[in-house]
Amino acid sequence: MRKLVNFCDYFVICSASSDRQVVAIADGIEEGLLKLNVRIRHKQGLKISTWALLDLGDVVVHIFEGEAREFYGLEHLWQDAAKVKWEK
């Protein structure tokens, strides 16, 4: 993302099957980051929502309920950004 924007290096975009799962995924990410002593700069959409955002500075995490992910189309909007394959 850094070649396209000046506010982060990476977007992490993931899907959830319901608005409650959006919140649960965000909570799980936050718990994991706390264990690593990583501070979240800004959180948005954590009350029952179809889209939550966690801003970590260099990384911005987007958690979408399926229809919201299609509607906002971030992958299309930022299609010029290099994709990083995630492997476990």
N, C-alpha and C. Protein backbone atom coordinates (compact mmCIF):
# COMPACT_ATOMS: atom_id res chain seq x y z
N MET A 1 0.82 -1.20 0.00
CA MET A 1 0.00 0.00 0.00
C MET A 1 0.86 1.26 0.00
N ARG A 2 2.08 1.17 0.53
CA ARG A 2 2.91 2.37 0.69
C ARG A 2 3.15 3.10 -0.63
N LYS A 3 3.19 2.39 -1.74
CA LYS A 3 3.39 3.05 -3.03
C LYS A 3 2.16 3.83 -3.48
N LEU A 4 1.00 3.53 -2.88
CA LEU A 4 -0.26 4.16 -3.27
C LEU A 4 -0.77 5.18 -2.25
N VAL A 5 -0.46 4.97 -0.97
CA VAL A 5 -0.99 5.84 0.09
C VAL A 5 0.12 6.18 1.07
N ASN A 6 -0.09 7.20 1.87
CA ASN A 6 0.93 7.59 2.85
C ASN A 6 0.54 7.24 4.28
N PHE A 7 -0.52 6.46 4.47
CA PHE A 7 -0.98 6.19 5.83
C PHE A 7 -0.77 4.77 6.32
N CYS A 8 -0.34 3.84 5.46
CA CYS A 8 -0.07 2.48 5.92
C CYS A 8 0.74 1.72 4.88
N ASP A 9 1.32 0.61 5.33
CA ASP A 9 2.06 -0.27 4.42
C ASP A 9 1.19 -1.42 3.93
N TYR A 10 0.27 -1.87 4.76
CA TYR A 10 -0.54 -3.04 4.43
C TYR A 10 -1.99 -2.86 4.83
N PHE A 11 -2.88 -3.42 4.03
CA PHE A 11 -4.27 -3.66 4.40
C PHE A 11 -4.40 -5.16 4.63
N VAL A 12 -5.05 -5.54 5.68
CA VAL A 12 -5.47 -6.93 5.87
C VAL A 12 -6.98 -6.91 5.74
N ILE A 13 -7.51 -7.70 4.81
CA ILE A 13 -8.95 -7.73 4.56
C ILE A 13 -9.44 -9.14 4.79
N CYS A 14 -10.42 -9.30 5.67
CA CYS A 14 -10.96 -10.64 5.91
C CYS A 14 -12.48 -10.58 6.00
N SER A 15 -13.08 -11.76 5.90
CA SER A 15 -14.54 -11.88 5.88
C SER A 15 -15.05 -12.59 7.12
N ALA A 16 -16.26 -12.25 7.48
CA ALA A 16 -16.97 -12.91 8.58
C ALA A 16 -18.35 -13.30 8.07
N SER A 17 -18.95 -14.29 8.70
CA SER A 17 -20.24 -14.77 8.22
C SER A 17 -21.43 -14.02 8.84
N SER A 18 -21.18 -13.16 9.84
CA SER A 18 -22.26 -12.40 10.46
C SER A 18 -21.68 -11.16 11.13
N ASP A 19 -22.56 -10.24 11.50
CA ASP A 19 -22.10 -9.03 12.19
C ASP A 19 -21.48 -9.38 13.55
N ARG A 20 -22.01 -10.37 14.21
CA ARG A 20 -21.45 -10.79 15.51
C ARG A 20 -20.06 -11.38 15.34
N GLN A 21 -19.85 -12.09 14.22
CA GLN A 21 -18.54 -12.66 13.97
C GLN A 21 -17.52 -11.56 13.63
N VAL A 22 -17.96 -10.49 12.99
CA VAL A 22 -17.08 -9.35 12.74
C VAL A 22 -16.48 -8.87 14.06
N VAL A 23 -17.34 -8.69 15.05
CA VAL A 23 -16.90 -8.21 16.36
C VAL A 23 -16.01 -9.25 17.04
N ALA A 24 -16.37 -10.53 16.94
CA ALA A 24 -15.58 -11.59 17.57
C ALA A 24 -14.17 -11.67 16.96
N ILE A 25 -14.07 -11.54 15.65
CA ILE A 25 -12.75 -11.57 14.99
C ILE A 25 -11.92 -10.37 15.46
N ALA A 26 -12.53 -9.20 15.49
CA ALA A 26 -11.82 -8.00 15.94
C ALA A 26 -11.34 -8.17 17.38
N ASP A 27 -12.19 -8.72 18.24
CA ASP A 27 -11.81 -8.95 19.63
C ASP A 27 -10.64 -9.93 19.72
N GLY A 28 -10.68 -10.98 18.90
CA GLY A 28 -9.59 -11.96 18.90
C GLY A 28 -8.28 -11.36 18.44
N ILE A 29 -8.34 -10.53 17.42
CA ILE A 29 -7.13 -9.84 16.94
C ILE A 29 -6.58 -8.94 18.03
N GLU A 30 -7.47 -8.20 18.67
CA GLU A 30 -7.04 -7.28 19.73
C GLU A 30 -6.39 -8.04 20.89
N GLU A 31 -6.99 -9.15 21.29
CA GLU A 31 -6.41 -9.96 22.37
C GLU A 31 -5.01 -10.44 22.00
N GLY A 32 -4.86 -10.94 20.77
CA GLY A 32 -3.55 -11.40 20.32
C GLY A 32 -2.51 -10.30 20.28
N LEU A 33 -2.92 -9.12 19.83
CA LEU A 33 -2.00 -7.99 19.77
C LEU A 33 -1.59 -7.52 21.15
N LEU A 34 -2.52 -7.55 22.11
CA LEU A 34 -2.19 -7.17 23.48
C LEU A 34 -1.10 -8.08 24.04
N LYS A 35 -1.19 -9.37 23.75
CA LYS A 35 -0.16 -10.31 24.21
C LYS A 35 1.20 -9.99 23.61
N LEU A 36 1.21 -9.42 22.41
CA LEU A 36 2.45 -9.05 21.73
C LEU A 36 2.87 -7.62 22.05
N ASN A 37 2.10 -6.97 22.90
CA ASN A 37 2.36 -5.58 23.29
C ASN A 37 2.26 -4.61 22.11
N VAL A 38 1.35 -4.92 21.16
CA VAL A 38 1.11 -4.06 20.00
C VAL A 38 -0.12 -3.22 20.28
N ARG A 39 0.02 -1.92 20.13
CA ARG A 39 -1.06 -0.99 20.43
C ARG A 39 -1.92 -0.73 19.19
N ILE A 40 -3.22 -0.75 19.37
CA ILE A 40 -4.15 -0.38 18.31
C ILE A 40 -4.37 1.13 18.42
N ARG A 41 -4.10 1.84 17.34
CA ARG A 41 -4.23 3.30 17.36
C ARG A 41 -5.68 3.76 17.30
N HIS A 42 -6.48 3.04 16.52
CA HIS A 42 -7.88 3.44 16.34
C HIS A 42 -8.72 2.22 16.04
N LYS A 43 -9.92 2.17 16.62
CA LYS A 43 -10.88 1.10 16.35
C LYS A 43 -12.18 1.74 15.92
N GLN A 44 -12.85 1.08 14.97
CA GLN A 44 -14.13 1.60 14.49
C GLN A 44 -15.03 0.44 14.11
N GLY A 45 -16.33 0.58 14.39
CA GLY A 45 -17.31 -0.40 13.97
C GLY A 45 -17.41 -1.62 14.88
N LEU A 46 -17.00 -1.50 16.14
CA LEU A 46 -16.98 -2.67 17.01
C LEU A 46 -18.28 -2.93 17.76
N LYS A 47 -19.23 -2.06 17.62
CA LYS A 47 -20.57 -2.39 18.09
C LYS A 47 -21.18 -3.19 16.94
N ILE A 48 -22.07 -4.09 17.20
CA ILE A 48 -22.59 -4.98 16.15
C ILE A 48 -22.60 -4.25 14.81
N SER A 49 -21.78 -4.73 13.90
CA SER A 49 -21.53 -4.02 12.66
C SER A 49 -21.19 -4.98 11.53
N THR A 50 -21.32 -4.50 10.30
CA THR A 50 -20.96 -5.32 9.15
C THR A 50 -19.53 -5.04 8.69
N TRP A 51 -18.87 -4.04 9.31
CA TRP A 51 -17.49 -3.71 8.94
C TRP A 51 -16.79 -3.12 10.15
N ALA A 52 -15.67 -3.71 10.51
CA ALA A 52 -14.85 -3.17 11.60
C ALA A 52 -13.47 -2.84 11.04
N LEU A 53 -12.84 -1.85 11.64
CA LEU A 53 -11.53 -1.42 11.22
C LEU A 53 -10.63 -1.31 12.45
N LEU A 54 -9.42 -1.86 12.33
CA LEU A 54 -8.40 -1.73 13.37
C LEU A 54 -7.18 -1.08 12.73
N ASP A 55 -6.79 0.07 13.23
CA ASP A 55 -5.65 0.80 12.68
C ASP A 55 -4.46 0.58 13.60
N LEU A 56 -3.44 -0.10 13.08
CA LEU A 56 -2.24 -0.39 13.86
C LEU A 56 -1.09 0.52 13.46
N GLY A 57 -1.34 1.46 12.60
CA GLY A 57 -0.28 2.33 12.11
C GLY A 57 0.14 1.88 10.72
N ASP A 58 1.12 0.99 10.65
CA ASP A 58 1.60 0.50 9.36
C ASP A 58 0.65 -0.51 8.73
N VAL A 59 -0.24 -1.08 9.55
CA VAL A 59 -1.20 -2.09 9.08
C VAL A 59 -2.61 -1.64 9.45
N VAL A 60 -3.52 -1.72 8.50
CA VAL A 60 -4.93 -1.43 8.75
C VAL A 60 -5.71 -2.72 8.45
N VAL A 61 -6.45 -3.19 9.46
CA VAL A 61 -7.22 -4.43 9.33
C VAL A 61 -8.68 -4.08 9.09
N HIS A 62 -9.25 -4.66 8.03
CA HIS A 62 -10.66 -4.51 7.70
C HIS A 62 -11.32 -5.87 7.88
N ILE A 63 -12.39 -5.92 8.65
CA ILE A 63 -13.13 -7.17 8.85
C ILE A 63 -14.55 -6.91 8.36
N PHE A 64 -14.94 -7.64 7.33
CA PHE A 64 -16.23 -7.42 6.67
C PHE A 64 -17.16 -8.61 6.81
N GLU A 65 -18.42 -8.34 7.01
CA GLU A 65 -19.48 -9.33 6.77
C GLU A 65 -19.55 -9.45 5.24
N GLY A 66 -19.86 -10.62 4.73
CA GLY A 66 -19.77 -10.92 3.30
C GLY A 66 -20.35 -9.89 2.35
N GLU A 67 -21.60 -9.49 2.55
CA GLU A 67 -22.24 -8.54 1.64
C GLU A 67 -21.56 -7.17 1.70
N ALA A 68 -21.13 -6.76 2.88
CA ALA A 68 -20.45 -5.47 3.01
C ALA A 68 -19.11 -5.50 2.28
N ARG A 69 -18.42 -6.64 2.33
CA ARG A 69 -17.14 -6.74 1.61
C ARG A 69 -17.35 -6.57 0.11
N GLU A 70 -18.39 -7.18 -0.41
CA GLU A 70 -18.70 -7.02 -1.83
C GLU A 70 -19.09 -5.59 -2.15
N PHE A 71 -19.92 -4.98 -1.28
CA PHE A 71 -20.41 -3.62 -1.52
C PHE A 71 -19.27 -2.61 -1.57
N TYR A 72 -18.36 -2.66 -0.60
CA TYR A 72 -17.28 -1.68 -0.53
C TYR A 72 -16.15 -1.99 -1.52
N GLY A 73 -15.95 -3.24 -1.85
CA GLY A 73 -15.00 -3.63 -2.89
C GLY A 73 -13.60 -3.08 -2.73
N LEU A 74 -13.03 -3.17 -1.54
CA LEU A 74 -11.69 -2.63 -1.32
C LEU A 74 -10.65 -3.28 -2.23
N GLU A 75 -10.82 -4.57 -2.50
CA GLU A 75 -9.86 -5.23 -3.39
C GLU A 75 -9.86 -4.57 -4.78
N HIS A 76 -11.03 -4.16 -5.23
CA HIS A 76 -11.12 -3.48 -6.54
C HIS A 76 -10.61 -2.05 -6.43
N LEU A 77 -11.01 -1.37 -5.37
CA LEU A 77 -10.62 0.03 -5.18
C LEU A 77 -9.10 0.17 -5.11
N TRP A 78 -8.44 -0.77 -4.47
CA TRP A 78 -6.99 -0.73 -4.30
C TRP A 78 -6.30 -1.81 -5.14
N GLN A 79 -6.83 -2.11 -6.30
CA GLN A 79 -6.31 -3.20 -7.12
C GLN A 79 -4.88 -2.99 -7.60
N ASP A 80 -4.38 -1.77 -7.58
CA ASP A 80 -3.00 -1.52 -7.99
C ASP A 80 -1.98 -1.86 -6.90
N ALA A 81 -2.45 -2.12 -5.70
CA ALA A 81 -1.54 -2.49 -4.60
C ALA A 81 -1.04 -3.91 -4.80
N ALA A 82 0.21 -4.14 -4.44
CA ALA A 82 0.77 -5.49 -4.53
C ALA A 82 0.05 -6.38 -3.52
N LYS A 83 -0.24 -7.60 -3.92
CA LYS A 83 -0.89 -8.56 -3.03
C LYS A 83 0.17 -9.41 -2.36
N VAL A 84 -0.05 -9.70 -1.08
CA VAL A 84 0.86 -10.55 -0.32
C VAL A 84 0.08 -11.80 0.03
N LYS A 85 0.59 -12.95 -0.39
CA LYS A 85 -0.10 -14.21 -0.11
C LYS A 85 0.13 -14.58 1.36
N TRP A 86 -0.95 -14.91 2.03
CA TRP A 86 -0.90 -15.28 3.45
C TRP A 86 -0.85 -16.80 3.54
N GLU A 87 0.13 -17.29 4.27
CA GLU A 87 0.22 -18.73 4.51
C GLU A 87 0.42 -18.97 5.98
N LYS A 88 -0.21 -20.04 6.46
CA LYS A 88 -0.08 -20.38 7.88
C LYS A 88 1.28 -20.92 8.18
